[in-house]
Amino acid sequence: MVDKILVFYGSYRSDRMGIRLADFIVDGLRQRGAEPQLVDAKALNLPMLDRMYKEYPPGTAPQPLETLAREIKGADAFVFVTGEYNWGPQPGLKNLTDHFLEEWFWRPAAIASYSAGRFSGVRSGTLWHGILSEMGMVVVSSTLAVGPIAQTLDAAGQPVGASGESLRKAFSRFADDLAWWTEAARAQRARQAPPY
């Protein structure tokens, strides 16, 4: 069975560097036989959270919310690609995820962080573990941390130099970890309905 994986990216900045990492992950998952789909918060341009998807009467949610809810429910796993803004998560990515709750339940998530500096967005990545767990996902222990991103991935999302080679090696374990939990969660959901 092919793993359907949504890759979420949350920067709204005009000179976005993190899209390189999102593209690298989508390409790497595709090469492994998965069916990844990039979900770009900037392209969706959801409003600041006023009403969650579940708070709309059935059939009345704005079309982008309706479509994304369907895609989230149909996915087997998720990857969150996050930059670090003042030690915290990107507001665009956080806003996108907060529009939903039950739609995330009982599936694994993986976190990839980046920054222009040597800390590679790890402070934001660490915060996302708690956020995603609270939203009903199982967060895999393997993470990717990329920085400085401009010296690791080129504009096409291809690894460059020694840091790019390190990322390529780390991606294999990251993807293996996510694939294992994806299969485990799918098998458990088929065996027994979630408790709530």
C-alpha atoms as a PDB file:
ATOM      1  CA  MET A   1       0.000   0.000   0.000  1.00  0.00           C
ATOM      2  CA  VAL A   2       1.343   3.445  -0.922  1.00  0.00           C
ATOM      3  CA  ASP A   3       1.812   5.880   1.960  1.00  0.00           C
ATOM      4  CA  LYS A   4      -0.058   9.141   1.406  1.00  0.00           C
ATOM      5  CA  ILE A   5       1.987  11.791   3.195  1.00  0.00           C
ATOM      6  CA  LEU A   6       1.176  15.478   3.500  1.00  0.00           C
ATOM      7  CA  VAL A   7       4.220  17.753   3.803  1.00  0.00           C
ATOM      8  CA  PHE A   8       3.283  21.060   5.466  1.00  0.00           C
ATOM      9  CA  TYR A   9       5.325  24.214   4.981  1.00  0.00           C
ATOM     10  CA  GLY A  10       4.477  27.461   6.747  1.00  0.00           C
ATOM     11  CA  SER A  11       6.575  30.448   5.670  1.00  0.00           C
ATOM     12  CA  TYR A  12       4.861  33.509   4.219  1.00  0.00           C
ATOM     13  CA  ARG A  13       8.115  35.408   3.647  1.00  0.00           C
ATOM     14  CA  SER A  14       8.947  36.700   0.166  1.00  0.00           C
ATOM     15  CA  ASP A  15      12.474  35.194   0.167  1.00  0.00           C
ATOM     16  CA  ARG A  16      11.564  31.762   1.477  1.00  0.00           C
ATOM     17  CA  MET A  17      14.510  29.418   1.938  1.00  0.00           C
ATOM     18  CA  GLY A  18      12.656  26.626   3.735  1.00  0.00           C
ATOM     19  CA  ILE A  19      10.784  25.694   0.581  1.00  0.00           C
ATOM     20  CA  ARG A  20      14.064  24.073  -0.451  1.00  0.00           C
ATOM     21  CA  LEU A  21      13.763  21.645   2.446  1.00  0.00           C
ATOM     22  CA  ALA A  22      10.078  20.999   1.753  1.00  0.00           C
ATOM     23  CA  ASP A  23      10.892  20.229  -1.892  1.00  0.00           C
ATOM     24  CA  PHE A  24      13.781  17.967  -0.854  1.00  0.00           C
ATOM     25  CA  ILE A  25      11.475  15.984   1.452  1.00  0.00           C
ATOM     26  CA  VAL A  26       8.699  15.670  -1.127  1.00  0.00           C
ATOM     27  CA  ASP A  27      11.210  14.467  -3.723  1.00  0.00           C
ATOM     28  CA  GLY A  28      12.863  12.044  -1.290  1.00  0.00           C
ATOM     29  CA  LEU A  29       9.553  10.512  -0.187  1.00  0.00           C
ATOM     30  CA  ARG A  30       8.448  10.145  -3.811  1.00  0.00           C
ATOM     31  CA  GLN A  31      11.694   8.359  -4.682  1.00  0.00           C
ATOM     32  CA  ARG A  32      10.994   5.903  -1.851  1.00  0.00           C
ATOM     33  CA  GLY A  33       7.608   5.017  -3.369  1.00  0.00           C
ATOM     34  CA  ALA A  34       5.378   7.165  -1.155  1.00  0.00           C
ATOM     35  CA  GLU A  35       2.748   9.575  -2.435  1.00  0.00           C
ATOM     36  CA  PRO A  36       3.723  12.937  -0.909  1.00  0.00           C
ATOM     37  CA  GLN A  37       1.828  16.184  -1.381  1.00  0.00           C
ATOM     38  CA  LEU A  38       3.120  19.634  -0.452  1.00  0.00           C
ATOM     39  CA  VAL A  39       0.691  21.791   1.524  1.00  0.00           C
ATOM     40  CA  ASP A  40       1.985  25.368   1.400  1.00  0.00           C
ATOM     41  CA  ALA A  41       0.393  27.682   3.970  1.00  0.00           C
ATOM     42  CA  LYS A  42       1.189  30.744   1.864  1.00  0.00           C
ATOM     43  CA  ALA A  43      -0.500  29.270  -1.217  1.00  0.00           C
ATOM     44  CA  LEU A  44      -3.587  28.324   0.819  1.00  0.00           C
ATOM     45  CA  ASN A  45      -3.620  31.725   2.538  1.00  0.00           C
ATOM     46  CA  LEU A  46      -6.090  30.718   5.229  1.00  0.00           C
ATOM     47  CA  PRO A  47      -7.339  33.599   7.377  1.00  0.00           C
ATOM     48  CA  MET A  48      -6.157  33.976  10.950  1.00  0.00           C
ATOM     49  CA  LEU A  49      -8.021  31.397  12.975  1.00  0.00           C
ATOM     50  CA  ASP A  50     -11.498  32.580  13.876  1.00  0.00           C
ATOM     51  CA  ARG A  51     -13.479  29.392  13.525  1.00  0.00           C
ATOM     52  CA  MET A  52     -12.055  25.865  13.339  1.00  0.00           C
ATOM     53  CA  TYR A  53     -13.199  23.582  10.537  1.00  0.00           C
ATOM     54  CA  LYS A  54     -15.319  21.555  12.976  1.00  0.00           C
ATOM     55  CA  GLU A  55     -17.111  24.717  14.159  1.00  0.00           C
ATOM     56  CA  TYR A  56     -18.759  25.284  10.784  1.00  0.00           C
ATOM     57  CA  PRO A  57     -22.117  23.599  10.198  1.00  0.00           C
ATOM     58  CA  PRO A  58     -21.628  20.687   7.758  1.00  0.00           C
ATOM     59  CA  GLY A  59     -21.177  21.908   4.200  1.00  0.00           C
ATOM     60  CA  THR A  60     -20.628  25.581   5.114  1.00  0.00           C
ATOM     61  CA  ALA A  61     -16.848  25.742   5.655  1.00  0.00           C
ATOM     62  CA  PRO A  62     -14.877  27.810   3.123  1.00  0.00           C
ATOM     63  CA  GLN A  63     -13.770  25.616   0.219  1.00  0.00           C
ATOM     64  CA  PRO A  64     -10.025  25.673   1.066  1.00  0.00           C
ATOM     65  CA  LEU A  65     -10.830  24.376   4.566  1.00  0.00           C
ATOM     66  CA  GLU A  66     -13.178  21.726   3.199  1.00  0.00           C
ATOM     67  CA  THR A  67     -10.586  20.515   0.693  1.00  0.00           C
ATOM     68  CA  LEU A  68      -7.735  20.475   3.187  1.00  0.00           C
ATOM     69  CA  ALA A  69      -9.839  18.669   5.818  1.00  0.00           C
ATOM     70  CA  ARG A  70     -10.544  15.940   3.263  1.00  0.00           C
ATOM     71  CA  GLU A  71      -6.832  15.690   2.396  1.00  0.00           C
ATOM     72  CA  ILE A  72      -5.780  15.504   6.053  1.00  0.00           C
ATOM     73  CA  LYS A  73      -8.370  12.803   6.819  1.00  0.00           C
ATOM     74  CA  GLY A  74      -7.179  10.799   3.802  1.00  0.00           C
ATOM     75  CA  ALA A  75      -3.474  10.993   4.641  1.00  0.00           C
ATOM     76  CA  ASP A  76      -1.486   8.227   6.295  1.00  0.00           C
ATOM     77  CA  ALA A  77       1.176  10.507   7.812  1.00  0.00           C
ATOM     78  CA  PHE A  78       2.413  14.081   8.009  1.00  0.00           C
ATOM     79  CA  VAL A  79       5.703  15.966   7.814  1.00  0.00           C
ATOM     80  CA  PHE A  80       5.948  19.484   9.246  1.00  0.00           C
ATOM     81  CA  VAL A  81       8.712  21.692   7.825  1.00  0.00           C
ATOM     82  CA  THR A  82       9.287  24.598  10.170  1.00  0.00           C
ATOM     83  CA  GLY A  83      11.557  27.560  10.383  1.00  0.00           C
ATOM     84  CA  GLU A  84      12.388  29.258  13.644  1.00  0.00           C
ATOM     85  CA  TYR A  85      11.105  32.746  14.401  1.00  0.00           C
ATOM     86  CA  ASN A  86      12.511  34.178  17.651  1.00  0.00           C
ATOM     87  CA  TRP A  87      12.869  30.700  19.173  1.00  0.00           C
ATOM     88  CA  GLY A  88       9.294  29.842  18.207  1.00  0.00           C
ATOM     89  CA  PRO A  89       7.244  28.190  15.482  1.00  0.00           C
ATOM     90  CA  GLN A  90       6.299  29.950  12.280  1.00  0.00           C
ATOM     91  CA  PRO A  91       2.947  31.685  12.695  1.00  0.00           C
ATOM     92  CA  GLY A  92       1.782  30.635   9.220  1.00  0.00           C
ATOM     93  CA  LEU A  93       2.286  26.942   9.926  1.00  0.00           C
ATOM     94  CA  LYS A  94       0.757  27.174  13.395  1.00  0.00           C
ATOM     95  CA  ASN A  95      -2.269  29.025  12.035  1.00  0.00           C
ATOM     96  CA  LEU A  96      -2.785  26.391   9.326  1.00  0.00           C
ATOM     97  CA  THR A  97      -2.618  23.464  11.745  1.00  0.00           C
ATOM     98  CA  ASP A  98      -4.890  25.097  14.336  1.00  0.00           C
ATOM     99  CA  HIS A  99      -7.826  25.162  11.899  1.00  0.00           C
ATOM    100  CA  PHE A 100      -8.140  21.403  12.475  1.00  0.00           C
ATOM    101  CA  LEU A 101      -8.072  18.959  15.367  1.00  0.00           C
ATOM    102  CA  GLU A 102      -9.804  15.567  15.079  1.00  0.00           C
ATOM    103  CA  GLU A 103      -8.699  15.381  11.449  1.00  0.00           C
ATOM    104  CA  TRP A 104      -5.099  14.789  12.644  1.00  0.00           C
ATOM    105  CA  PHE A 105      -5.820  11.981  15.101  1.00  0.00           C
ATOM    106  CA  TRP A 106      -4.162   8.545  15.093  1.00  0.00           C
ATOM    107  CA  ARG A 107      -1.477   9.187  12.484  1.00  0.00           C
ATOM    108  CA  PRO A 108       2.278   9.743  12.773  1.00  0.00           C
ATOM    109  CA  ALA A 109       4.042  13.031  12.191  1.00  0.00           C
ATOM    110  CA  ALA A 110       7.671  13.922  11.578  1.00  0.00           C
ATOM    111  CA  ILE A 111       9.388  17.284  12.028  1.00  0.00           C
ATOM    112  CA  ALA A 112      12.021  18.917   9.845  1.00  0.00           C
ATOM    113  CA  SER A 113      13.428  22.276  10.935  1.00  0.00           C
ATOM    114  CA  TYR A 114      15.723  24.790   9.316  1.00  0.00           C
ATOM    115  CA  SER A 115      17.293  28.185   9.762  1.00  0.00           C
ATOM    116  CA  ALA A 116      19.833  30.472   8.190  1.00  0.00           C
ATOM    117  CA  GLY A 117      22.144  29.850  11.132  1.00  0.00           C
ATOM    118  CA  ARG A 118      23.865  26.938  12.756  1.00  0.00           C
ATOM    119  CA  PHE A 119      21.050  26.054  15.197  1.00  0.00           C
ATOM    120  CA  SER A 120      19.019  24.686  12.276  1.00  0.00           C
ATOM    121  CA  GLY A 121      15.628  25.665  13.719  1.00  0.00           C
ATOM    122  CA  VAL A 122      15.872  23.019  16.452  1.00  0.00           C
ATOM    123  CA  ARG A 123      14.229  25.228  19.082  1.00  0.00           C
ATOM    124  CA  SER A 124      11.123  25.500  16.906  1.00  0.00           C
ATOM    125  CA  GLY A 125      11.297  21.811  16.053  1.00  0.00           C
ATOM    126  CA  THR A 126      11.350  20.950  19.739  1.00  0.00           C
ATOM    127  CA  LEU A 127       8.231  23.045  20.363  1.00  0.00           C
ATOM    128  CA  TRP A 128       6.408  21.265  17.548  1.00  0.00           C
ATOM    129  CA  HIS A 129       6.754  17.906  19.326  1.00  0.00           C
ATOM    130  CA  GLY A 130       4.413  19.040  22.089  1.00  0.00           C
ATOM    131  CA  ILE A 131       2.057  20.852  19.720  1.00  0.00           C
ATOM    132  CA  LEU A 132       1.600  17.860  17.422  1.00  0.00           C
ATOM    133  CA  SER A 133       1.231  15.417  20.307  1.00  0.00           C
ATOM    134  CA  GLU A 134      -1.510  17.583  21.790  1.00  0.00           C
ATOM    135  CA  MET A 135      -3.234  17.546  18.396  1.00  0.00           C
ATOM    136  CA  GLY A 136      -3.470  13.740  18.457  1.00  0.00           C
ATOM    137  CA  MET A 137      -0.457  12.703  16.391  1.00  0.00           C
ATOM    138  CA  VAL A 138       2.351  10.335  17.288  1.00  0.00           C
ATOM    139  CA  VAL A 139       5.590  12.234  16.657  1.00  0.00           C
ATOM    140  CA  VAL A 140       8.449  10.057  15.451  1.00  0.00           C
ATOM    141  CA  SER A 141      11.772  10.456  17.218  1.00  0.00           C
ATOM    142  CA  SER A 142      13.843  11.023  14.073  1.00  0.00           C
ATOM    143  CA  THR A 143      14.061  14.641  12.974  1.00  0.00           C
ATOM    144  CA  LEU A 144      15.845  16.643  10.319  1.00  0.00           C
ATOM    145  CA  ALA A 145      17.598  19.873  11.274  1.00  0.00           C
ATOM    146  CA  VAL A 146      19.078  21.913   8.429  1.00  0.00           C
ATOM    147  CA  GLY A 147      21.282  24.938   8.810  1.00  0.00           C
ATOM    148  CA  PRO A 148      22.621  27.022   7.395  1.00  0.00           C
ATOM    149  CA  ILE A 149      20.007  26.091   4.812  1.00  0.00           C
ATOM    150  CA  ALA A 150      21.574  28.082   1.964  1.00  0.00           C
ATOM    151  CA  GLN A 151      24.759  26.021   2.351  1.00  0.00           C
ATOM    152  CA  THR A 152      22.898  22.706   2.503  1.00  0.00           C
ATOM    153  CA  LEU A 153      20.307  22.849  -0.295  1.00  0.00           C
ATOM    154  CA  ASP A 154      20.389  24.705  -3.588  1.00  0.00           C
ATOM    155  CA  ALA A 155      17.429  26.638  -5.035  1.00  0.00           C
ATOM    156  CA  ALA A 156      16.068  23.413  -6.559  1.00  0.00           C
ATOM    157  CA  GLY A 157      16.121  21.622  -3.197  1.00  0.00           C
ATOM    158  CA  GLN A 158      19.166  19.509  -4.068  1.00  0.00           C
ATOM    159  CA  PRO A 159      21.835  18.796  -1.425  1.00  0.00           C
ATOM    160  CA  VAL A 160      25.149  20.606  -1.831  1.00  0.00           C
ATOM    161  CA  GLY A 161      28.502  20.192  -0.121  1.00  0.00           C
ATOM    162  CA  ALA A 162      29.293  18.276   3.036  1.00  0.00           C
ATOM    163  CA  SER A 163      26.209  19.502   4.892  1.00  0.00           C
ATOM    164  CA  GLY A 164      24.032  18.415   1.971  1.00  0.00           C
ATOM    165  CA  GLU A 165      25.572  14.949   2.093  1.00  0.00           C
ATOM    166  CA  SER A 166      24.880  14.782   5.842  1.00  0.00           C
ATOM    167  CA  LEU A 167      21.249  15.718   5.173  1.00  0.00           C
ATOM    168  CA  ARG A 168      20.937  13.018   2.523  1.00  0.00           C
ATOM    169  CA  LYS A 169      22.167  10.402   5.023  1.00  0.00           C
ATOM    170  CA  ALA A 170      19.930  11.682   7.825  1.00  0.00           C
ATOM    171  CA  PHE A 171      16.896  11.650   5.512  1.00  0.00           C
ATOM    172  CA  SER A 172      17.092   7.891   5.106  1.00  0.00           C
ATOM    173  CA  ARG A 173      16.644   7.272   8.837  1.00  0.00           C
ATOM    174  CA  PHE A 174      13.985  10.016   9.073  1.00  0.00           C
ATOM    175  CA  ALA A 175      11.957   8.453   6.249  1.00  0.00           C
ATOM    176  CA  ASP A 176      12.422   4.896   7.586  1.00  0.00           C
ATOM    177  CA  ASP A 177      11.151   5.966  11.003  1.00  0.00           C
ATOM    178  CA  LEU A 178       8.106   7.676   9.525  1.00  0.00           C
ATOM    179  CA  ALA A 179       7.366   4.703   7.234  1.00  0.00           C
ATOM    180  CA  TRP A 180       7.522   2.253  10.162  1.00  0.00           C
ATOM    181  CA  TRP A 181       5.065   4.267  12.247  1.00  0.00           C
ATOM    182  CA  THR A 182       2.837   4.883   9.236  1.00  0.00           C
ATOM    183  CA  GLU A 183       2.500   1.152   8.633  1.00  0.00           C
ATOM    184  CA  ALA A 184       2.009   0.449  12.346  1.00  0.00           C
ATOM    185  CA  ALA A 185      -0.746   3.053  12.667  1.00  0.00           C
ATOM    186  CA  ARG A 186      -2.496   1.879   9.503  1.00  0.00           C
ATOM    187  CA  ALA A 187      -2.432  -1.747  10.706  1.00  0.00           C
ATOM    188  CA  GLN A 188      -3.757  -0.798  14.139  1.00  0.00           C
ATOM    189  CA  ARG A 189      -6.586   1.306  12.688  1.00  0.00           C
ATOM    190  CA  ALA A 190      -7.560  -1.655  10.479  1.00  0.00           C
ATOM    191  CA  ARG A 191      -7.449  -4.038  13.451  1.00  0.00           C
ATOM    192  CA  GLN A 192      -9.291  -1.872  15.958  1.00  0.00           C
ATOM    193  CA  ALA A 193     -11.229   1.378  15.745  1.00  0.00           C
ATOM    194  CA  PRO A 194      -9.634   4.285  17.636  1.00  0.00           C
ATOM    195  CA  PRO A 195     -11.076   4.681  21.151  1.00  0.00           C
ATOM    196  CA  TYR A 196     -12.439   8.146  20.401  1.00  0.00           C
END
